[in-house]
Each structure stands twice: as structure tokens, then as C-alpha cells.
Amino acid sequence: MPWKIGLILFAGTLFCVSAVGFLIVKIALRPKDGGDLDDYHYEFEDHCPDLTRYEKWSRLTFIGVITGMLLLFLTAVL
């Protein structure tokens, strides 16, 4: 069953890299409290480049974590 081992290695690596990336995004890219975010109206928050970049990377890394977990579960079930 070499395909199962390969899938476990891929899913485990994806999970670990995405989890570390998610933590880095939450710590480093979060818009600061004293930033210029207050200058933007709440309806137009997507126009703030810092908030847009934070939300994009937060979503991507979270999707990576979920995908890695699902693939690891799939290999455990098969």
C-alpha cells in the first residue's frame, strides 16, 4: 500500500505547514488596534489592504488545515 503512505505523508505535511502558517497569520498579519482601520467605514472594510490580506491568508491557511485533517481521516478510514 505505498499510495496510502504517500497520502499520509502529503496530508501530514499539509496539515503541519498550514497549522504553522495559520498561527503566523493570526499573530503577524492581524491588523493592529491603533492602525488606520478606524478610518474605513464598516461597509467598506474590504478596501483596507491590511484587512484584505489578513482575511485572504487566514482563509487559505484554514482551508489547508481542514483539508489536511480530512485527508488524514480518510487514510485512517481506508
PDB file of N, CA and C in Angstrom:
ATOM      1  N   MET A   1       0.797  -1.189   0.000  1.00  0.00           N
ATOM      2  CA  MET A   1       0.000   0.000   0.000  1.00  0.00           C
ATOM      3  C   MET A   1       0.853   1.272   0.000  1.00  0.00           C
ATOM      4  N   PRO A   2       1.683   1.470  -0.980  1.00  0.00           N
ATOM      5  CA  PRO A   2       2.524   2.684  -0.982  1.00  0.00           C
ATOM      6  C   PRO A   2       1.720   3.966  -1.220  1.00  0.00           C
ATOM      7  N   TRP A   3       0.558   3.884  -1.865  1.00  0.00           N
ATOM      8  CA  TRP A   3      -0.237   5.095  -2.089  1.00  0.00           C
ATOM      9  C   TRP A   3      -0.772   5.649  -0.779  1.00  0.00           C
ATOM     10  N   LYS A   4      -1.046   4.748   0.170  1.00  0.00           N
ATOM     11  CA  LYS A   4      -1.564   5.186   1.462  1.00  0.00           C
ATOM     12  C   LYS A   4      -0.478   5.904   2.269  1.00  0.00           C
ATOM     13  N   ILE A   5       0.729   5.394   2.188  1.00  0.00           N
ATOM     14  CA  ILE A   5       1.843   6.044   2.876  1.00  0.00           C
ATOM     15  C   ILE A   5       2.112   7.418   2.270  1.00  0.00           C
ATOM     16  N   GLY A   6       2.070   7.491   0.949  1.00  0.00           N
ATOM     17  CA  GLY A   6       2.265   8.778   0.279  1.00  0.00           C
ATOM     18  C   GLY A   6       1.187   9.780   0.644  1.00  0.00           C
ATOM     19  N   LEU A   7      -0.053   9.311   0.737  1.00  0.00           N
ATOM     20  CA  LEU A   7      -1.157  10.191   1.110  1.00  0.00           C
ATOM     21  C   LEU A   7      -1.025  10.656   2.556  1.00  0.00           C
ATOM     22  N   ILE A   8      -0.581   9.780   3.439  1.00  0.00           N
ATOM     23  CA  ILE A   8      -0.364  10.150   4.834  1.00  0.00           C
ATOM     24  C   ILE A   8       0.737  11.196   4.939  1.00  0.00           C
ATOM     25  N   LEU A   9       1.833  11.003   4.201  1.00  0.00           N
ATOM     26  CA  LEU A   9       2.925  11.978   4.231  1.00  0.00           C
ATOM     27  C   LEU A   9       2.480  13.325   3.672  1.00  0.00           C
ATOM     28  N   PHE A  10       1.736  13.307   2.574  1.00  0.00           N
ATOM     29  CA  PHE A  10       1.249  14.551   1.985  1.00  0.00           C
ATOM     30  C   PHE A  10       0.289  15.265   2.915  1.00  0.00           C
ATOM     31  N   ALA A  11      -0.678  14.521   3.464  1.00  0.00           N
ATOM     32  CA  ALA A  11      -1.687  15.127   4.331  1.00  0.00           C
ATOM     33  C   ALA A  11      -1.063  15.635   5.633  1.00  0.00           C
ATOM     34  N   GLY A  12      -0.139  14.886   6.188  1.00  0.00           N
ATOM     35  CA  GLY A  12       0.527  15.325   7.416  1.00  0.00           C
ATOM     36  C   GLY A  12       1.355  16.574   7.209  1.00  0.00           C
ATOM     37  N   THR A  13       2.059  16.618   6.087  1.00  0.00           N
ATOM     38  CA  THR A  13       2.850  17.807   5.771  1.00  0.00           C
ATOM     39  C   THR A  13       1.953  19.006   5.524  1.00  0.00           C
ATOM     40  N   LEU A  14       0.882  18.802   4.772  1.00  0.00           N
ATOM     41  CA  LEU A  14      -0.075  19.882   4.514  1.00  0.00           C
ATOM     42  C   LEU A  14      -0.679  20.403   5.808  1.00  0.00           C
ATOM     43  N   PHE A  15      -1.042  19.503   6.690  1.00  0.00           N
ATOM     44  CA  PHE A  15      -1.624  19.901   7.967  1.00  0.00           C
ATOM     45  C   PHE A  15      -0.639  20.706   8.807  1.00  0.00           C
ATOM     46  N   CYS A  16       0.581  20.205   8.931  1.00  0.00           N
ATOM     47  CA  CYS A  16       1.575  20.890   9.773  1.00  0.00           C
ATOM     48  C   CYS A  16       1.956  22.258   9.217  1.00  0.00           C
ATOM     49  N   VAL A  17       2.202  22.324   7.917  1.00  0.00           N
ATOM     50  CA  VAL A  17       2.587  23.599   7.311  1.00  0.00           C
ATOM     51  C   VAL A  17       1.446  24.602   7.403  1.00  0.00           C
ATOM     52  N   SER A  18       0.234  24.151   7.152  1.00  0.00           N
ATOM     53  CA  SER A  18      -0.912  25.052   7.221  1.00  0.00           C
ATOM     54  C   SER A  18      -1.192  25.503   8.654  1.00  0.00           C
ATOM     55  N   ALA A  19      -1.023  24.624   9.615  1.00  0.00           N
ATOM     56  CA  ALA A  19      -1.259  24.999  11.009  1.00  0.00           C
ATOM     57  C   ALA A  19      -0.246  26.037  11.474  1.00  0.00           C
ATOM     58  N   VAL A  20       1.013  25.849  11.123  1.00  0.00           N
ATOM     59  CA  VAL A  20       2.034  26.839  11.479  1.00  0.00           C
ATOM     60  C   VAL A  20       1.765  28.150  10.750  1.00  0.00           C
ATOM     61  N   GLY A  21       1.401  28.061   9.474  1.00  0.00           N
ATOM     62  CA  GLY A  21       1.071  29.265   8.715  1.00  0.00           C
ATOM     63  C   GLY A  21      -0.126  29.992   9.299  1.00  0.00           C
ATOM     64  N   PHE A  22      -1.127  29.252   9.748  1.00  0.00           N
ATOM     65  CA  PHE A  22      -2.312  29.860  10.357  1.00  0.00           C
ATOM     66  C   PHE A  22      -1.936  30.625  11.620  1.00  0.00           C
ATOM     67  N   LEU A  23      -1.074  30.039  12.433  1.00  0.00           N
ATOM     68  CA  LEU A  23      -0.637  30.734  13.643  1.00  0.00           C
ATOM     69  C   LEU A  23       0.162  31.989  13.312  1.00  0.00           C
ATOM     70  N   ILE A  24       1.019  31.902  12.311  1.00  0.00           N
ATOM     71  CA  ILE A  24       1.807  33.064  11.905  1.00  0.00           C
ATOM     72  C   ILE A  24       0.897  34.166  11.386  1.00  0.00           C
ATOM     73  N   VAL A  25      -0.099  33.794  10.590  1.00  0.00           N
ATOM     74  CA  VAL A  25      -1.041  34.790  10.066  1.00  0.00           C
ATOM     75  C   VAL A  25      -1.805  35.442  11.212  1.00  0.00           C
ATOM     76  N   LYS A  26      -2.271  34.666  12.165  1.00  0.00           N
ATOM     77  CA  LYS A  26      -3.041  35.219  13.275  1.00  0.00           C
ATOM     78  C   LYS A  26      -2.200  36.137  14.154  1.00  0.00           C
ATOM     79  N   ILE A  27      -0.906  35.868  14.261  1.00  0.00           N
ATOM     80  CA  ILE A  27      -0.041  36.677  15.111  1.00  0.00           C
ATOM     81  C   ILE A  27       0.538  37.872  14.349  1.00  0.00           C
ATOM     82  N   ALA A  28       1.081  37.636  13.167  1.00  0.00           N
ATOM     83  CA  ALA A  28       1.851  38.671  12.477  1.00  0.00           C
ATOM     84  C   ALA A  28       1.019  39.568  11.561  1.00  0.00           C
ATOM     85  N   LEU A  29       0.019  39.030  10.878  1.00  0.00           N
ATOM     86  CA  LEU A  29      -0.705  39.815   9.890  1.00  0.00           C
ATOM     87  C   LEU A  29      -1.966  40.482  10.418  1.00  0.00           C
ATOM     88  N   ARG A  30      -2.328  40.214  11.655  1.00  0.00           N
ATOM     89  CA  ARG A  30      -3.543  40.806  12.196  1.00  0.00           C
ATOM     90  C   ARG A  30      -3.403  42.324  12.209  1.00  0.00           C
ATOM     91  N   PRO A  31      -4.431  43.023  11.719  1.00  0.00           N
ATOM     92  CA  PRO A  31      -4.377  44.496  11.749  1.00  0.00           C
ATOM     93  C   PRO A  31      -4.265  44.993  13.187  1.00  0.00           C
ATOM     94  N   LYS A  32      -3.428  45.963  13.379  1.00  0.00           N
ATOM     95  CA  LYS A  32      -3.178  46.489  14.721  1.00  0.00           C
ATOM     96  C   LYS A  32      -4.377  47.294  15.208  1.00  0.00           C
ATOM     97  N   ASP A  33      -4.541  47.359  16.515  1.00  0.00           N
ATOM     98  CA  ASP A  33      -5.652  48.105  17.101  1.00  0.00           C
ATOM     99  C   ASP A  33      -5.520  49.601  16.835  1.00  0.00           C
ATOM    100  N   GLY A  34      -4.322  50.098  16.850  1.00  0.00           N
ATOM    101  CA  GLY A  34      -4.112  51.524  16.648  1.00  0.00           C
ATOM    102  C   GLY A  34      -3.886  51.892  15.198  1.00  0.00           C
ATOM    103  N   GLY A  35      -4.189  50.987  14.279  1.00  0.00           N
ATOM    104  CA  GLY A  35      -3.950  51.231  12.865  1.00  0.00           C
ATOM    105  C   GLY A  35      -4.983  52.155  12.258  1.00  0.00           C
ATOM    106  N   ASP A  36      -4.938  52.285  10.947  1.00  0.00           N
ATOM    107  CA  ASP A  36      -5.852  53.184  10.256  1.00  0.00           C
ATOM    108  C   ASP A  36      -7.165  52.506   9.873  1.00  0.00           C
ATOM    109  N   LEU A  37      -7.476  51.386  10.499  1.00  0.00           N
ATOM    110  CA  LEU A  37      -8.708  50.664  10.192  1.00  0.00           C
ATOM    111  C   LEU A  37      -9.939  51.473  10.581  1.00  0.00           C
ATOM    112  N   ASP A  38      -9.806  52.332  11.594  1.00  0.00           N
ATOM    113  CA  ASP A  38     -10.941  53.149  12.022  1.00  0.00           C
ATOM    114  C   ASP A  38     -11.328  54.186  10.968  1.00  0.00           C
ATOM    115  N   ASP A  39     -10.410  54.507  10.063  1.00  0.00           N
ATOM    116  CA  ASP A  39     -10.688  55.482   9.009  1.00  0.00           C
ATOM    117  C   ASP A  39     -11.614  54.914   7.943  1.00  0.00           C
ATOM    118  N   TYR A  40     -11.742  53.594   7.888  1.00  0.00           N
ATOM    119  CA  TYR A  40     -12.578  52.954   6.884  1.00  0.00           C
ATOM    120  C   TYR A  40     -13.973  52.711   7.456  1.00  0.00           C
ATOM    121  N   HIS A  41     -14.958  52.931   6.666  1.00  0.00           N
ATOM    122  CA  HIS A  41     -16.332  52.685   7.095  1.00  0.00           C
ATOM    123  C   HIS A  41     -16.567  51.179   7.148  1.00  0.00           C
ATOM    124  N   TYR A  42     -17.422  50.710   8.042  1.00  0.00           N
ATOM    125  CA  TYR A  42     -17.620  49.273   8.241  1.00  0.00           C
ATOM    126  C   TYR A  42     -18.135  48.578   6.983  1.00  0.00           C
ATOM    127  N   GLU A  43     -18.789  49.291   6.096  1.00  0.00           N
ATOM    128  CA  GLU A  43     -19.286  48.659   4.873  1.00  0.00           C
ATOM    129  C   GLU A  43     -18.189  48.467   3.836  1.00  0.00           C
ATOM    130  N   PHE A  44     -17.105  49.170   4.003  1.00  0.00           N
ATOM    131  CA  PHE A  44     -16.035  49.133   3.012  1.00  0.00           C
ATOM    132  C   PHE A  44     -14.743  48.582   3.595  1.00  0.00           C
ATOM    133  N   GLU A  45     -14.850  47.643   4.518  1.00  0.00           N
ATOM    134  CA  GLU A  45     -13.650  47.095   5.147  1.00  0.00           C
ATOM    135  C   GLU A  45     -12.789  46.326   4.163  1.00  0.00           C
ATOM    136  N   ASP A  46     -13.381  45.824   3.087  1.00  0.00           N
ATOM    137  CA  ASP A  46     -12.592  45.077   2.114  1.00  0.00           C
ATOM    138  C   ASP A  46     -11.612  45.968   1.374  1.00  0.00           C
ATOM    139  N   HIS A  47     -11.801  47.262   1.437  1.00  0.00           N
ATOM    140  CA  HIS A  47     -10.893  48.169   0.756  1.00  0.00           C
ATOM    141  C   HIS A  47      -9.633  48.439   1.565  1.00  0.00           C
ATOM    142  N   CYS A  48      -9.618  48.050   2.829  1.00  0.00           N
ATOM    143  CA  CYS A  48      -8.411  48.191   3.641  1.00  0.00           C
ATOM    144  C   CYS A  48      -7.440  47.087   3.238  1.00  0.00           C
ATOM    145  N   PRO A  49      -6.264  47.424   2.702  1.00  0.00           N
ATOM    146  CA  PRO A  49      -5.362  46.382   2.197  1.00  0.00           C
ATOM    147  C   PRO A  49      -4.846  45.441   3.280  1.00  0.00           C
ATOM    148  N   ASP A  50      -4.619  45.947   4.482  1.00  0.00           N
ATOM    149  CA  ASP A  50      -4.132  45.072   5.560  1.00  0.00           C
ATOM    150  C   ASP A  50      -5.184  44.042   5.962  1.00  0.00           C
ATOM    151  N   LEU A  51      -6.415  44.485   6.074  1.00  0.00           N
ATOM    152  CA  LEU A  51      -7.501  43.572   6.446  1.00  0.00           C
ATOM    153  C   LEU A  51      -7.777  42.563   5.340  1.00  0.00           C
ATOM    154  N   THR A  52      -7.710  43.001   4.098  1.00  0.00           N
ATOM    155  CA  THR A  52      -7.932  42.098   2.969  1.00  0.00           C
ATOM    156  C   THR A  52      -6.861  41.017   2.920  1.00  0.00           C
ATOM    157  N   ARG A  53      -5.599  41.414   3.094  1.00  0.00           N
ATOM    158  CA  ARG A  53      -4.503  40.443   3.081  1.00  0.00           C
ATOM    159  C   ARG A  53      -4.623  39.476   4.252  1.00  0.00           C
ATOM    160  N   TYR A  54      -4.970  39.970   5.426  1.00  0.00           N
ATOM    161  CA  TYR A  54      -5.144  39.127   6.611  1.00  0.00           C
ATOM    162  C   TYR A  54      -6.254  38.103   6.396  1.00  0.00           C
ATOM    163  N   GLU A  55      -7.401  38.548   5.893  1.00  0.00           N
ATOM    164  CA  GLU A  55      -8.519  37.628   5.689  1.00  0.00           C
ATOM    165  C   GLU A  55      -8.206  36.598   4.614  1.00  0.00           C
ATOM    166  N   LYS A  56      -7.520  37.001   3.545  1.00  0.00           N
ATOM    167  CA  LYS A  56      -7.184  36.065   2.471  1.00  0.00           C
ATOM    168  C   LYS A  56      -6.259  34.958   2.982  1.00  0.00           C
ATOM    169  N   TRP A  57      -5.194  35.340   3.668  1.00  0.00           N
ATOM    170  CA  TRP A  57      -4.251  34.333   4.154  1.00  0.00           C
ATOM    171  C   TRP A  57      -4.846  33.504   5.287  1.00  0.00           C
ATOM    172  N   SER A  58      -5.708  34.109   6.083  1.00  0.00           N
ATOM    173  CA  SER A  58      -6.360  33.366   7.146  1.00  0.00           C
ATOM    174  C   SER A  58      -7.256  32.277   6.559  1.00  0.00           C
ATOM    175  N   ARG A  59      -8.031  32.627   5.520  1.00  0.00           N
ATOM    176  CA  ARG A  59      -8.889  31.636   4.862  1.00  0.00           C
ATOM    177  C   ARG A  59      -8.075  30.537   4.195  1.00  0.00           C
ATOM    178  N   LEU A  60      -7.008  30.914   3.482  1.00  0.00           N
ATOM    179  CA  LEU A  60      -6.198  29.912   2.774  1.00  0.00           C
ATOM    180  C   LEU A  60      -5.546  28.923   3.728  1.00  0.00           C
ATOM    181  N   THR A  61      -4.974  29.419   4.813  1.00  0.00           N
ATOM    182  CA  THR A  61      -4.320  28.506   5.746  1.00  0.00           C
ATOM    183  C   THR A  61      -5.334  27.650   6.491  1.00  0.00           C
ATOM    184  N   PHE A  62      -6.514  28.203   6.796  1.00  0.00           N
ATOM    185  CA  PHE A  62      -7.543  27.414   7.463  1.00  0.00           C
ATOM    186  C   PHE A  62      -8.060  26.311   6.541  1.00  0.00           C
ATOM    187  N   ILE A  63      -8.222  26.618   5.271  1.00  0.00           N
ATOM    188  CA  ILE A  63      -8.631  25.597   4.300  1.00  0.00           C
ATOM    189  C   ILE A  63      -7.576  24.499   4.209  1.00  0.00           C
ATOM    190  N   GLY A  64      -6.299  24.879   4.265  1.00  0.00           N
ATOM    191  CA  GLY A  64      -5.225  23.889   4.257  1.00  0.00           C
ATOM    192  C   GLY A  64      -5.268  22.983   5.475  1.00  0.00           C
ATOM    193  N   VAL A  65      -5.537  23.550   6.640  1.00  0.00           N
ATOM    194  CA  VAL A  65      -5.636  22.753   7.871  1.00  0.00           C
ATOM    195  C   VAL A  65      -6.795  21.769   7.769  1.00  0.00           C
ATOM    196  N   ILE A  66      -7.951  22.241   7.326  1.00  0.00           N
ATOM    197  CA  ILE A  66      -9.126  21.376   7.215  1.00  0.00           C
ATOM    198  C   ILE A  66      -8.891  20.277   6.177  1.00  0.00           C
ATOM    199  N   THR A  67      -8.294  20.620   5.047  1.00  0.00           N
ATOM    200  CA  THR A  67      -8.009  19.622   4.006  1.00  0.00           C
ATOM    201  C   THR A  67      -7.040  18.571   4.518  1.00  0.00           C
ATOM    202  N   GLY A  68      -5.989  18.997   5.218  1.00  0.00           N
ATOM    203  CA  GLY A  68      -5.042  18.041   5.788  1.00  0.00           C
ATOM    204  C   GLY A  68      -5.697  17.110   6.788  1.00  0.00           C
ATOM    205  N   MET A  69      -6.564  17.660   7.643  1.00  0.00           N
ATOM    206  CA  MET A  69      -7.260  16.812   8.617  1.00  0.00           C
ATOM    207  C   MET A  69      -8.185  15.814   7.931  1.00  0.00           C
ATOM    208  N   LEU A  70      -8.909  16.262   6.907  1.00  0.00           N
ATOM    209  CA  LEU A  70      -9.812  15.354   6.200  1.00  0.00           C
ATOM    210  C   LEU A  70      -9.047  14.249   5.472  1.00  0.00           C
ATOM    211  N   LEU A  71      -7.919  14.595   4.877  1.00  0.00           N
ATOM    212  CA  LEU A  71      -7.121  13.571   4.198  1.00  0.00           C
ATOM    213  C   LEU A  71      -6.536  12.578   5.191  1.00  0.00           C
ATOM    214  N   LEU A  72      -6.088  13.051   6.345  1.00  0.00           N
ATOM    215  CA  LEU A  72      -5.587  12.128   7.369  1.00  0.00           C
ATOM    216  C   LEU A  72      -6.705  11.218   7.874  1.00  0.00           C
ATOM    217  N   PHE A  73      -7.893  11.757   8.054  1.00  0.00           N
ATOM    218  CA  PHE A  73      -9.030  10.929   8.458  1.00  0.00           C
ATOM    219  C   PHE A  73      -9.376   9.910   7.371  1.00  0.00           C
ATOM    220  N   LEU A  74      -9.307  10.343   6.128  1.00  0.00           N
ATOM    221  CA  LEU A  74      -9.602   9.440   5.018  1.00  0.00           C
ATOM    222  C   LEU A  74      -8.616   8.280   4.971  1.00  0.00           C
ATOM    223  N   THR A  75      -7.347   8.548   5.195  1.00  0.00           N
ATOM    224  CA  THR A  75      -6.371   7.453   5.185  1.00  0.00           C
ATOM    225  C   THR A  75      -6.546   6.541   6.386  1.00  0.00           C
ATOM    226  N   ALA A  76      -7.020   7.076   7.497  1.00  0.00           N
ATOM    227  CA  ALA A  76      -7.263   6.221   8.663  1.00  0.00           C
ATOM    228  C   ALA A  76      -8.460   5.318   8.444  1.00  0.00           C
ATOM    229  N   VAL A  77      -9.458   5.793   7.709  1.00  0.00           N
ATOM    230  CA  VAL A  77     -10.669   5.006   7.461  1.00  0.00           C
ATOM    231  C   VAL A  77     -10.413   3.930   6.408  1.00  0.00           C
ATOM    232  N   LEU A  78      -9.641   4.288   5.380  1.00  0.00           N
ATOM    233  CA  LEU A  78      -9.387   3.309   4.322  1.00  0.00           C
ATOM    234  C   LEU A  78      -8.451   2.297   4.819  1.00  0.00           C
TER     235      LEU A  78
END
